[in-house]
């Protein structure tokens, strides 16, 4: 399947900074609850991320991440995940988060 540029533009991918991270032991698969600040236009959004192999909550706070901010919210157990935090698999299939290699403003849109 080939996507058009117009289809790509419909997906709103932004940079935000993790301002809080908490273990989510109630999730079916090991996860961490994230609160991500995307700046003034979008504000703080939540995400449940299955990233426990490489990350602990304490190392995530202050880290910039990349997320899709315009998907419909999903109920993950008792937690609402408002954005999809993006990552890629390592050689064993565990998630490695995507992030800019330089600090950028929260809310910056990927293009």
N, C-alpha and C. Protein backbone atom coordinates (compact mmCIF):
# COMPACT_ATOMS: atom_id res chain seq x y z
N UNK A 1 0.83 -1.18 0.00
CA UNK A 1 0.00 0.00 0.00
C UNK A 1 0.88 1.25 0.00
N UNK A 2 0.56 2.19 -0.82
CA UNK A 2 1.27 3.45 -0.90
C UNK A 2 0.39 4.54 -0.29
N UNK A 3 0.95 5.30 0.63
CA UNK A 3 0.20 6.40 1.25
C UNK A 3 0.52 7.69 0.52
N UNK A 4 -0.47 8.53 0.39
CA UNK A 4 -0.25 9.83 -0.23
C UNK A 4 0.28 10.79 0.82
N UNK A 5 0.86 11.88 0.37
CA UNK A 5 1.35 12.90 1.30
C UNK A 5 0.19 13.48 2.11
N UNK A 6 -0.96 13.62 1.49
CA UNK A 6 -2.14 14.15 2.19
C UNK A 6 -2.55 13.21 3.33
N UNK A 7 -2.44 11.90 3.13
CA UNK A 7 -2.75 10.95 4.20
C UNK A 7 -1.73 11.08 5.34
N UNK A 8 -0.47 11.23 5.00
CA UNK A 8 0.57 11.42 6.01
C UNK A 8 0.30 12.67 6.84
N UNK A 9 -0.09 13.76 6.19
CA UNK A 9 -0.35 15.02 6.89
C UNK A 9 -1.49 14.91 7.89
N UNK A 10 -2.39 13.97 7.71
CA UNK A 10 -3.52 13.81 8.63
C UNK A 10 -3.07 13.25 9.99
N UNK A 11 -1.91 12.60 10.03
CA UNK A 11 -1.39 12.06 11.28
C UNK A 11 -0.55 13.15 11.94
N UNK A 12 -0.96 13.57 13.12
CA UNK A 12 -0.31 14.67 13.83
C UNK A 12 0.70 14.09 14.83
N UNK A 13 1.98 14.14 14.45
CA UNK A 13 3.06 13.59 15.27
C UNK A 13 3.84 14.75 15.87
N UNK A 14 3.91 14.77 17.21
CA UNK A 14 4.51 15.89 17.92
C UNK A 14 5.56 15.42 18.93
N UNK A 15 6.39 16.35 19.35
CA UNK A 15 7.38 16.12 20.39
C UNK A 15 6.83 16.66 21.71
N UNK A 16 7.04 15.90 22.77
CA UNK A 16 6.67 16.36 24.09
C UNK A 16 7.68 15.88 25.11
N UNK A 17 7.59 16.43 26.31
CA UNK A 17 8.49 16.06 27.40
C UNK A 17 7.71 15.32 28.47
N UNK A 18 8.23 14.19 28.89
CA UNK A 18 7.60 13.41 29.95
C UNK A 18 7.75 14.19 31.26
N UNK A 19 6.61 14.51 31.89
CA UNK A 19 6.66 15.26 33.15
C UNK A 19 6.34 14.36 34.35
N UNK A 20 5.76 13.20 34.09
CA UNK A 20 5.52 12.22 35.14
C UNK A 20 5.46 10.84 34.50
N UNK A 21 5.88 9.84 35.23
CA UNK A 21 5.86 8.45 34.76
C UNK A 21 5.64 7.56 35.98
N UNK A 22 4.69 6.64 35.85
CA UNK A 22 4.35 5.76 36.96
C UNK A 22 4.23 4.32 36.47
N UNK A 23 4.65 3.35 37.27
CA UNK A 23 4.45 1.95 36.90
C UNK A 23 2.94 1.69 36.71
N UNK A 24 2.62 0.75 35.84
CA UNK A 24 1.21 0.39 35.61
C UNK A 24 1.06 -1.12 35.76
N UNK A 25 1.15 -1.62 37.00
CA UNK A 25 1.10 -3.07 37.22
C UNK A 25 -0.25 -3.70 36.89
N UNK A 26 -1.32 -2.89 36.82
CA UNK A 26 -2.64 -3.44 36.50
C UNK A 26 -2.81 -3.76 35.01
N UNK A 27 -1.92 -3.27 34.17
CA UNK A 27 -2.02 -3.53 32.73
C UNK A 27 -1.79 -5.02 32.45
N UNK A 28 -2.43 -5.53 31.38
CA UNK A 28 -2.26 -6.94 31.01
C UNK A 28 -0.81 -7.25 30.65
N UNK A 29 -0.16 -6.32 29.92
CA UNK A 29 1.26 -6.46 29.59
C UNK A 29 2.00 -5.36 30.35
N UNK A 30 3.22 -5.64 30.81
CA UNK A 30 3.95 -4.62 31.59
C UNK A 30 3.99 -3.28 30.86
N UNK A 31 3.64 -2.21 31.57
CA UNK A 31 3.56 -0.89 30.97
C UNK A 31 3.92 0.19 31.98
N UNK A 32 4.12 1.38 31.44
CA UNK A 32 4.36 2.57 32.26
C UNK A 32 3.36 3.63 31.82
N UNK A 33 2.74 4.29 32.80
CA UNK A 33 1.83 5.41 32.51
C UNK A 33 2.68 6.67 32.39
N UNK A 34 2.45 7.41 31.32
CA UNK A 34 3.20 8.64 31.05
C UNK A 34 2.27 9.84 31.01
N UNK A 35 2.76 10.96 31.52
CA UNK A 35 2.12 12.26 31.35
C UNK A 35 3.11 13.09 30.56
N UNK A 36 2.70 13.51 29.35
CA UNK A 36 3.62 14.15 28.41
C UNK A 36 3.13 15.57 28.12
N UNK A 37 4.03 16.55 28.28
CA UNK A 37 3.71 17.95 28.02
C UNK A 37 4.05 18.28 26.57
N UNK A 38 3.00 18.59 25.79
CA UNK A 38 3.17 18.96 24.38
C UNK A 38 3.09 20.46 24.16
N UNK A 39 3.18 21.24 25.22
CA UNK A 39 3.16 22.69 25.07
C UNK A 39 1.76 23.27 25.06
N UNK A 40 1.71 24.59 24.88
CA UNK A 40 0.47 25.36 25.03
C UNK A 40 -0.71 24.93 24.20
N UNK A 41 -0.51 24.66 22.93
CA UNK A 41 -1.63 24.32 22.03
C UNK A 41 -2.29 23.00 22.41
N UNK A 42 -1.52 22.02 22.82
CA UNK A 42 -2.04 20.68 23.09
C UNK A 42 -2.11 20.40 24.58
N UNK A 43 -1.12 20.86 25.34
CA UNK A 43 -1.10 20.65 26.77
C UNK A 43 -0.55 19.29 27.16
N UNK A 44 -0.91 18.84 28.35
CA UNK A 44 -0.43 17.56 28.89
C UNK A 44 -1.40 16.46 28.48
N UNK A 45 -0.86 15.38 27.94
CA UNK A 45 -1.65 14.22 27.53
C UNK A 45 -1.06 12.97 28.18
N UNK A 46 -1.89 11.95 28.30
CA UNK A 46 -1.46 10.69 28.92
C UNK A 46 -1.22 9.61 27.87
N UNK A 47 -0.37 8.65 28.25
CA UNK A 47 -0.08 7.53 27.36
C UNK A 47 0.30 6.32 28.21
N UNK A 48 -0.19 5.16 27.83
CA UNK A 48 0.26 3.91 28.43
C UNK A 48 1.20 3.27 27.43
N UNK A 49 2.44 3.01 27.87
CA UNK A 49 3.45 2.51 26.94
C UNK A 49 4.10 1.24 27.48
N UNK A 50 4.21 0.24 26.61
CA UNK A 50 4.84 -1.04 26.96
C UNK A 50 6.34 -0.93 26.71
N UNK A 51 7.00 -0.23 27.61
CA UNK A 51 8.42 0.12 27.42
C UNK A 51 9.28 -0.31 28.61
N UNK A 52 8.81 -1.28 29.38
CA UNK A 52 9.47 -1.64 30.65
C UNK A 52 10.79 -2.39 30.49
N UNK A 53 11.11 -2.89 29.32
CA UNK A 53 12.37 -3.61 29.15
C UNK A 53 13.56 -2.65 29.24
N UNK A 54 13.44 -1.49 28.58
CA UNK A 54 14.57 -0.56 28.53
C UNK A 54 14.42 0.66 29.43
N UNK A 55 13.23 0.87 30.00
CA UNK A 55 12.98 2.11 30.73
C UNK A 55 12.32 1.84 32.07
N UNK A 56 12.63 2.71 33.02
CA UNK A 56 11.93 2.75 34.31
C UNK A 56 11.34 4.15 34.43
N UNK A 57 10.31 4.31 35.24
CA UNK A 57 9.68 5.63 35.34
C UNK A 57 10.66 6.76 35.66
N UNK A 58 11.60 6.54 36.54
CA UNK A 58 12.51 7.61 36.95
C UNK A 58 13.41 8.12 35.82
N UNK A 59 13.79 7.26 34.87
CA UNK A 59 14.66 7.72 33.78
C UNK A 59 13.87 8.40 32.67
N UNK A 60 12.55 8.29 32.70
CA UNK A 60 11.72 8.89 31.65
C UNK A 60 11.38 10.35 31.92
N UNK A 61 11.32 10.74 33.18
CA UNK A 61 10.95 12.11 33.51
C UNK A 61 12.00 13.08 32.97
N UNK A 62 11.53 14.06 32.20
CA UNK A 62 12.41 15.03 31.56
C UNK A 62 12.85 14.64 30.17
N UNK A 63 12.54 13.44 29.75
CA UNK A 63 12.95 12.94 28.43
C UNK A 63 11.94 13.38 27.37
N UNK A 64 12.44 13.81 26.22
CA UNK A 64 11.55 14.13 25.11
C UNK A 64 11.20 12.86 24.35
N UNK A 65 9.94 12.77 23.94
CA UNK A 65 9.45 11.63 23.18
C UNK A 65 8.64 12.13 21.99
N UNK A 66 8.35 11.22 21.08
CA UNK A 66 7.56 11.53 19.89
C UNK A 66 6.28 10.72 19.98
N UNK A 67 5.14 11.37 19.68
CA UNK A 67 3.85 10.68 19.81
C UNK A 67 2.85 11.17 18.77
N UNK A 68 1.92 10.29 18.42
CA UNK A 68 0.77 10.67 17.60
C UNK A 68 -0.25 11.26 18.55
N UNK A 69 -0.66 12.51 18.32
CA UNK A 69 -1.54 13.19 19.25
C UNK A 69 -2.99 13.29 18.78
N UNK A 70 -3.28 12.80 17.58
CA UNK A 70 -4.66 12.94 17.10
C UNK A 70 -5.37 11.61 16.84
N UNK A 71 -4.97 10.55 17.53
CA UNK A 71 -5.76 9.32 17.54
C UNK A 71 -6.83 9.45 18.61
N UNK A 72 -7.89 8.69 18.48
CA UNK A 72 -8.92 8.67 19.51
C UNK A 72 -8.33 8.06 20.78
N UNK A 73 -8.71 8.58 21.97
CA UNK A 73 -8.22 8.00 23.22
C UNK A 73 -8.62 6.54 23.34
N UNK A 74 -7.77 5.75 24.02
CA UNK A 74 -8.04 4.33 24.25
C UNK A 74 -8.06 4.04 25.73
N UNK A 75 -9.00 3.22 26.13
CA UNK A 75 -9.08 2.77 27.52
C UNK A 75 -8.13 1.60 27.68
N UNK A 76 -7.13 1.75 28.55
CA UNK A 76 -6.17 0.70 28.84
C UNK A 76 -6.39 0.36 30.31
N UNK A 77 -7.20 -0.64 30.59
CA UNK A 77 -7.58 -0.93 31.97
C UNK A 77 -8.37 0.25 32.52
N UNK A 78 -7.93 0.79 33.64
CA UNK A 78 -8.60 1.95 34.25
C UNK A 78 -7.96 3.28 33.82
N UNK A 79 -7.05 3.24 32.89
CA UNK A 79 -6.28 4.41 32.47
C UNK A 79 -6.66 4.78 31.04
N UNK A 80 -6.79 6.07 30.76
CA UNK A 80 -7.07 6.54 29.40
C UNK A 80 -5.75 6.95 28.75
N UNK A 81 -5.43 6.31 27.62
CA UNK A 81 -4.24 6.66 26.86
C UNK A 81 -4.69 7.60 25.74
N UNK A 82 -4.26 8.87 25.83
CA UNK A 82 -4.71 9.89 24.89
C UNK A 82 -3.83 10.02 23.65
N UNK A 83 -2.58 9.59 23.75
CA UNK A 83 -1.65 9.68 22.63
C UNK A 83 -0.91 8.36 22.47
N UNK A 84 -0.39 8.12 21.28
CA UNK A 84 0.40 6.92 21.00
C UNK A 84 1.87 7.31 20.99
N UNK A 85 2.59 6.91 22.03
CA UNK A 85 4.02 7.18 22.11
C UNK A 85 4.73 6.22 21.15
N UNK A 86 5.62 6.78 20.32
CA UNK A 86 6.23 6.00 19.24
C UNK A 86 7.59 5.43 19.61
N UNK A 87 7.83 4.23 19.11
CA UNK A 87 9.10 3.56 19.30
C UNK A 87 9.32 2.56 18.19
N UNK A 88 10.49 1.96 18.21
CA UNK A 88 10.84 0.91 17.25
C UNK A 88 11.39 -0.28 18.03
N UNK A 89 11.31 -1.49 17.46
CA UNK A 89 11.79 -2.67 18.20
C UNK A 89 13.31 -2.80 18.15
N UNK A 90 13.86 -3.28 19.27
CA UNK A 90 15.27 -3.66 19.24
C UNK A 90 15.36 -5.06 18.64
N UNK A 91 16.52 -5.68 18.68
CA UNK A 91 16.70 -7.00 18.08
C UNK A 91 15.85 -8.09 18.73
N UNK A 92 15.39 -7.85 19.95
CA UNK A 92 14.55 -8.82 20.65
C UNK A 92 13.07 -8.44 20.65
N UNK A 93 12.72 -7.36 19.99
CA UNK A 93 11.33 -6.93 19.91
C UNK A 93 10.89 -5.97 20.99
N UNK A 94 11.77 -5.59 21.91
CA UNK A 94 11.42 -4.63 22.97
C UNK A 94 11.45 -3.21 22.40
N UNK A 95 10.57 -2.37 22.90
CA UNK A 95 10.42 -1.01 22.37
C UNK A 95 11.57 -0.10 22.79
N UNK A 96 12.11 0.62 21.80
CA UNK A 96 13.07 1.70 22.01
C UNK A 96 12.36 2.98 21.56
N UNK A 97 12.22 3.94 22.47
CA UNK A 97 11.48 5.16 22.16
C UNK A 97 12.15 6.01 21.09
N UNK A 98 11.32 6.64 20.26
CA UNK A 98 11.82 7.63 19.30
C UNK A 98 11.90 8.97 20.01
N UNK A 99 12.97 9.71 19.75
CA UNK A 99 13.11 11.04 20.32
C UNK A 99 14.07 11.85 19.46
N UNK A 100 13.93 13.18 19.50
CA UNK A 100 14.88 14.01 18.75
C UNK A 100 16.27 13.91 19.37
N UNK A 101 17.30 14.04 18.54
CA UNK A 101 18.66 13.94 19.08
C UNK A 101 19.18 15.28 19.61
N UNK A 102 18.39 16.33 19.44
CA UNK A 102 18.66 17.64 20.03
C UNK A 102 17.39 18.10 20.72
N UNK A 103 17.50 18.92 21.75
CA UNK A 103 16.30 19.45 22.43
C UNK A 103 15.54 20.36 21.48
N UNK A 104 14.23 20.19 21.44
CA UNK A 104 13.35 21.02 20.62
C UNK A 104 12.18 21.47 21.48
N UNK A 105 11.42 22.42 20.99
CA UNK A 105 10.27 22.93 21.73
C UNK A 105 9.17 21.89 21.80
N UNK A 106 8.54 21.77 22.97
CA UNK A 106 7.39 20.89 23.10
C UNK A 106 6.30 21.32 22.13
N UNK A 107 5.68 20.33 21.51
CA UNK A 107 4.61 20.59 20.56
C UNK A 107 5.09 20.68 19.13
N UNK A 108 6.41 20.63 18.91
CA UNK A 108 6.93 20.69 17.54
C UNK A 108 6.38 19.54 16.72
N UNK A 109 5.86 19.85 15.54
CA UNK A 109 5.24 18.85 14.68
C UNK A 109 6.26 18.23 13.74
N UNK A 110 6.20 16.91 13.63
CA UNK A 110 7.08 16.20 12.70
C UNK A 110 6.63 16.45 11.27
N UNK A 111 7.60 16.68 10.41
CA UNK A 111 7.30 16.83 8.98
C UNK A 111 8.39 16.20 8.17
